C-alpha atoms as a PDB file:
ATOM      1  CA  MET A   1     -81.526 112.532 -49.373  1.00  0.00           C
ATOM      2  CA  PRO A   2     -81.258 116.319 -48.929  1.00  0.00           C
ATOM      3  CA  LYS A   3     -78.731 117.611 -46.428  1.00  0.00           C
ATOM      4  CA  ASP A   4     -81.451 119.365 -44.453  1.00  0.00           C
ATOM      5  CA  ASP A   5     -82.894 116.007 -43.303  1.00  0.00           C
ATOM      6  CA  LEU A   6     -79.648 114.827 -41.715  1.00  0.00           C
ATOM      7  CA  MET A   7     -79.251 115.314 -38.010  1.00  0.00           C
ATOM      8  CA  HIS A   8     -76.146 114.742 -35.911  1.00  0.00           C
ATOM      9  CA  VAL A   9     -76.074 114.480 -32.163  1.00  0.00           C
ATOM     10  CA  GLY A  10     -72.941 114.999 -30.143  1.00  0.00           C
ATOM     11  CA  ILE A  11     -72.111 112.324 -27.584  1.00  0.00           C
ATOM     12  CA  ILE A  12     -70.434 113.439 -24.399  1.00  0.00           C
ATOM     13  CA  ASP A  13     -67.499 111.181 -23.447  1.00  0.00           C
ATOM     14  CA  PRO A  14     -67.835 108.731 -26.350  1.00  0.00           C
ATOM     15  CA  ASN A  15     -65.011 106.525 -25.017  1.00  0.00           C
ATOM     16  CA  VAL A  16     -66.787 106.076 -21.687  1.00  0.00           C
ATOM     17  CA  LYS A  17     -70.037 105.188 -23.472  1.00  0.00           C
ATOM     18  CA  ARG A  18     -68.220 102.720 -25.713  1.00  0.00           C
ATOM     19  CA  LYS A  19     -66.572 101.073 -22.685  1.00  0.00           C
ATOM     20  CA  GLN A  20     -69.948 100.753 -20.985  1.00  0.00           C
ATOM     21  CA  ILE A  21     -71.462  99.162 -24.088  1.00  0.00           C
ATOM     22  CA  LEU A  22     -68.585  96.681 -24.331  1.00  0.00           C
ATOM     23  CA  GLU A  23     -68.817  95.827 -20.628  1.00  0.00           C
ATOM     24  CA  ASN A  24     -72.542  95.203 -21.021  1.00  0.00           C
ATOM     25  CA  ALA A  25     -71.874  93.035 -24.069  1.00  0.00           C
ATOM     26  CA  ILE A  26     -69.432  90.971 -21.985  1.00  0.00           C
ATOM     27  CA  LEU A  27     -72.051  90.522 -19.250  1.00  0.00           C
ATOM     28  CA  ILE A  28     -74.659  89.445 -21.784  1.00  0.00           C
ATOM     29  CA  ILE A  29     -72.310  86.886 -23.308  1.00  0.00           C
ATOM     30  CA  GLN A  30     -71.486  85.523 -19.851  1.00  0.00           C
ATOM     31  CA  LEU A  31     -75.211  85.129 -19.189  1.00  0.00           C
ATOM     32  CA  LEU A  32     -75.572  83.285 -22.490  1.00  0.00           C
ATOM     33  CA  LYS A  33     -72.719  80.996 -21.452  1.00  0.00           C
ATOM     34  CA  GLY A  34     -74.497  80.208 -18.200  1.00  0.00           C
ATOM     35  CA  PHE A  35     -77.691  79.500 -20.095  1.00  0.00           C
ATOM     36  CA  GLU A  36     -75.852  77.115 -22.438  1.00  0.00           C
ATOM     37  CA  LYS A  37     -74.451  75.269 -19.409  1.00  0.00           C
ATOM     38  CA  ILE A  38     -77.954  74.980 -17.957  1.00  0.00           C
ATOM     39  CA  LYS A  39     -79.220  73.563 -21.266  1.00  0.00           C
ATOM     40  CA  ASP A  40     -76.416  70.968 -21.245  1.00  0.00           C
ATOM     41  CA  ILE A  41     -77.256  70.016 -17.664  1.00  0.00           C
ATOM     42  CA  ARG A  42     -80.935  69.646 -18.570  1.00  0.00           C
ATOM     43  CA  LYS A  43     -80.038  67.372 -21.492  1.00  0.00           C
ATOM     44  CA  GLU A  44     -77.887  65.235 -19.206  1.00  0.00           C
ATOM     45  CA  LYS A  45     -80.698  65.121 -16.635  1.00  0.00           C
ATOM     46  CA  ASP A  46     -83.197  63.967 -19.259  1.00  0.00           C
ATOM     47  CA  LYS A  47     -80.758  61.311 -20.444  1.00  0.00           C
ATOM     48  CA  VAL A  48     -80.261  59.984 -16.905  1.00  0.00           C
ATOM     49  CA  LYS A  49     -84.026  60.036 -16.292  1.00  0.00           C
ATOM     50  CA  SER A  50     -84.714  57.998 -19.421  1.00  0.00           C
ATOM     51  CA  GLU A  51     -81.996  55.493 -18.491  1.00  0.00           C
ATOM     52  CA  PHE A  52     -83.481  55.238 -15.003  1.00  0.00           C
ATOM     53  CA  LYS A  53     -86.976  54.633 -16.369  1.00  0.00           C
ATOM     54  CA  SER A  54     -85.785  51.927 -18.733  1.00  0.00           C
ATOM     55  CA  LYS A  55     -83.845  50.182 -15.946  1.00  0.00           C
ATOM     56  CA  LEU A  56     -86.864  50.423 -13.648  1.00  0.00           C
ATOM     57  CA  LYS A  57     -89.117  48.879 -16.298  1.00  0.00           C
ATOM     58  CA  GLU A  58     -86.611  46.058 -16.754  1.00  0.00           C
ATOM     59  CA  ILE A  59     -86.454  45.468 -12.989  1.00  0.00           C
ATOM     60  CA  ASN A  60     -90.254  45.404 -12.715  1.00  0.00           C
ATOM     61  CA  LYS A  61     -90.470  42.956 -15.613  1.00  0.00           C
ATOM     62  CA  LEU A  62     -87.877  40.658 -14.026  1.00  0.00           C
ATOM     63  CA  ALA A  63     -89.619  40.892 -10.652  1.00  0.00           C
ATOM     64  CA  LYS A  64     -92.916  39.803 -12.239  1.00  0.00           C
ATOM     65  CA  GLU A  65     -91.163  36.893 -13.966  1.00  0.00           C
ATOM     66  CA  PHE A  66     -89.519  35.924 -10.693  1.00  0.00           C
ATOM     67  CA  ASN A  67     -92.811  36.027  -8.794  1.00  0.00           C
ATOM     68  CA  PHE A  68     -94.405  33.892 -11.491  1.00  0.00           C
ATOM     69  CA  LEU A  69     -91.617  31.303 -11.391  1.00  0.00           C
ATOM     70  CA  ILE A  70     -91.260  30.825  -7.657  1.00  0.00           C
ATOM     71  CA  PRO A  71     -93.519  28.160  -6.162  1.00  0.00           C
ATOM     72  CA  LYS A  72     -96.451  29.221  -4.037  1.00  0.00           C
ATOM     73  CA  VAL A  73     -95.714  28.005  -0.521  1.00  0.00           C
ATOM     74  CA  LYS A  74     -97.540  28.944   2.629  1.00  0.00           C
ATOM     75  CA  LEU A  75     -95.024  29.857   5.276  1.00  0.00           C
ATOM     76  CA  PRO A  76     -95.626  29.386   8.953  1.00  0.00           C
ATOM     77  CA  GLU A  77     -96.484  32.627  10.650  1.00  0.00           C
ATOM     78  CA  ILE A  78     -93.397  34.050  12.273  1.00  0.00           C
ATOM     79  CA  ASP A  79     -92.303  37.604  12.848  1.00  0.00           C
ATOM     80  CA  VAL A  80     -90.479  37.487   9.552  1.00  0.00           C
ATOM     81  CA  LYS A  81     -91.531  40.994   8.706  1.00  0.00           C
ATOM     82  CA  LYS A  82     -90.043  42.380  11.880  1.00  0.00           C
ATOM     83  CA  GLU A  83     -86.773  40.505  11.370  1.00  0.00           C
ATOM     84  CA  LEU A  84     -86.656  41.520   7.738  1.00  0.00           C
ATOM     85  CA  HIS A  85     -87.205  45.193   8.582  1.00  0.00           C
ATOM     86  CA  GLU A  86     -84.405  45.026  11.157  1.00  0.00           C
ATOM     87  CA  LYS A  87     -82.005  43.456   8.644  1.00  0.00           C
ATOM     88  CA  VAL A  88     -82.934  45.999   5.975  1.00  0.00           C
ATOM     89  CA  ALA A  89     -82.364  48.842   8.435  1.00  0.00           C
ATOM     90  CA  GLU A  90     -78.952  47.413   9.343  1.00  0.00           C
ATOM     91  CA  THR A  91     -77.885  47.073   5.733  1.00  0.00           C
ATOM     92  CA  LYS A  92     -79.074  50.593   4.927  1.00  0.00           C
ATOM     93  CA  GLU A  93     -76.900  51.938   7.711  1.00  0.00           C
ATOM     94  CA  LYS A  94     -73.886  49.994   6.468  1.00  0.00           C
ATOM     95  CA  LEU A  95     -74.206  50.774   2.758  1.00  0.00           C
ATOM     96  CA  PRO A  96     -73.051  54.220   1.654  1.00  0.00           C
ATOM     97  CA  LEU A  97     -75.049  56.006  -1.012  1.00  0.00           C
ATOM     98  CA  LYS A  98     -73.525  55.685  -4.450  1.00  0.00           C
ATOM     99  CA  ARG A  99     -73.338  58.676  -6.714  1.00  0.00           C
ATOM    100  CA  ILE A 100     -74.065  58.284 -10.371  1.00  0.00           C
ATOM    101  CA  LYS A 101     -71.088  59.402 -12.389  1.00  0.00           C
ATOM    102  CA  THR A 102     -71.972  61.488 -15.385  1.00  0.00           C
ATOM    103  CA  GLU A 103     -69.785  61.673 -18.405  1.00  0.00           C
ATOM    104  CA  LYS A 104     -67.994  64.912 -19.120  1.00  0.00           C
ATOM    105  CA  HIS A 105     -69.141  66.046 -22.514  1.00  0.00           C
ATOM    106  CA  ALA A 106     -67.069  68.194 -24.758  1.00  0.00           C
ATOM    107  CA  ARG A 107     -68.044  71.823 -24.478  1.00  0.00           C
ATOM    108  CA  SER A 108     -70.588  72.821 -27.032  1.00  0.00           C
ATOM    109  CA  ALA A 109     -69.599  74.970 -29.965  1.00  0.00           C
ATOM    110  CA  ASN A 110     -71.775  77.771 -28.612  1.00  0.00           C
ATOM    111  CA  LEU A 111     -69.788  77.971 -25.370  1.00  0.00           C
ATOM    112  CA  ASP A 112     -66.505  78.095 -27.280  1.00  0.00           C
ATOM    113  CA  LYS A 113     -67.829  80.844 -29.530  1.00  0.00           C
ATOM    114  CA  LEU A 114     -69.078  82.804 -26.521  1.00  0.00           C
ATOM    115  CA  ASP A 115     -65.655  82.509 -24.864  1.00  0.00           C
ATOM    116  CA  LYS A 116     -64.006  83.864 -27.993  1.00  0.00           C
ATOM    117  CA  ASP A 117     -66.495  86.745 -28.114  1.00  0.00           C
ATOM    118  CA  ILE A 118     -65.793  87.632 -24.483  1.00  0.00           C
ATOM    119  CA  ASP A 119     -62.035  87.608 -25.101  1.00  0.00           C
ATOM    120  CA  PHE A 120     -62.451  89.763 -28.183  1.00  0.00           C
ATOM    121  CA  LEU A 121     -64.603  92.305 -26.349  1.00  0.00           C
ATOM    122  CA  ARG A 122     -62.229  92.431 -23.383  1.00  0.00           C
ATOM    123  CA  LYS A 123     -59.278  93.116 -25.706  1.00  0.00           C
ATOM    124  CA  LYS A 124     -61.290  95.853 -27.370  1.00  0.00           C
ATOM    125  CA  LEU A 125     -62.162  97.299 -23.960  1.00  0.00           C
ATOM    126  CA  GLU A 126     -58.515  97.305 -22.887  1.00  0.00           C
ATOM    127  CA  SER A 127     -57.470  99.098 -26.060  1.00  0.00           C
ATOM    128  CA  LEU A 128     -59.743 102.043 -25.260  1.00  0.00           C
END
């Protein structure tokens, strides 16, 4: 390559520009970390959904078996529905909602790598 084709451009305040680039790199890596966390949460959500569906199918199957096995008896007409609804309402008020506990998974390798990258860039930024 002939020397005439080379072109150099002077950068005003190169240290300031370098700091800005490193700060932006840190922000980008933090965004990637957040995205990785969202992906992990989505995986956990899908896992819980599939477990829920399988349990629901099992419950429906058992309910059908139960309905098949119980004898068909005609009950005298009473306000059973009204009493039943009242009892169900009472039990709903008494029973607290249970939260499903999710397992804490080990942080993914990507998150660990991103943390290391952020630390490295921050050290570099401090050295400027």
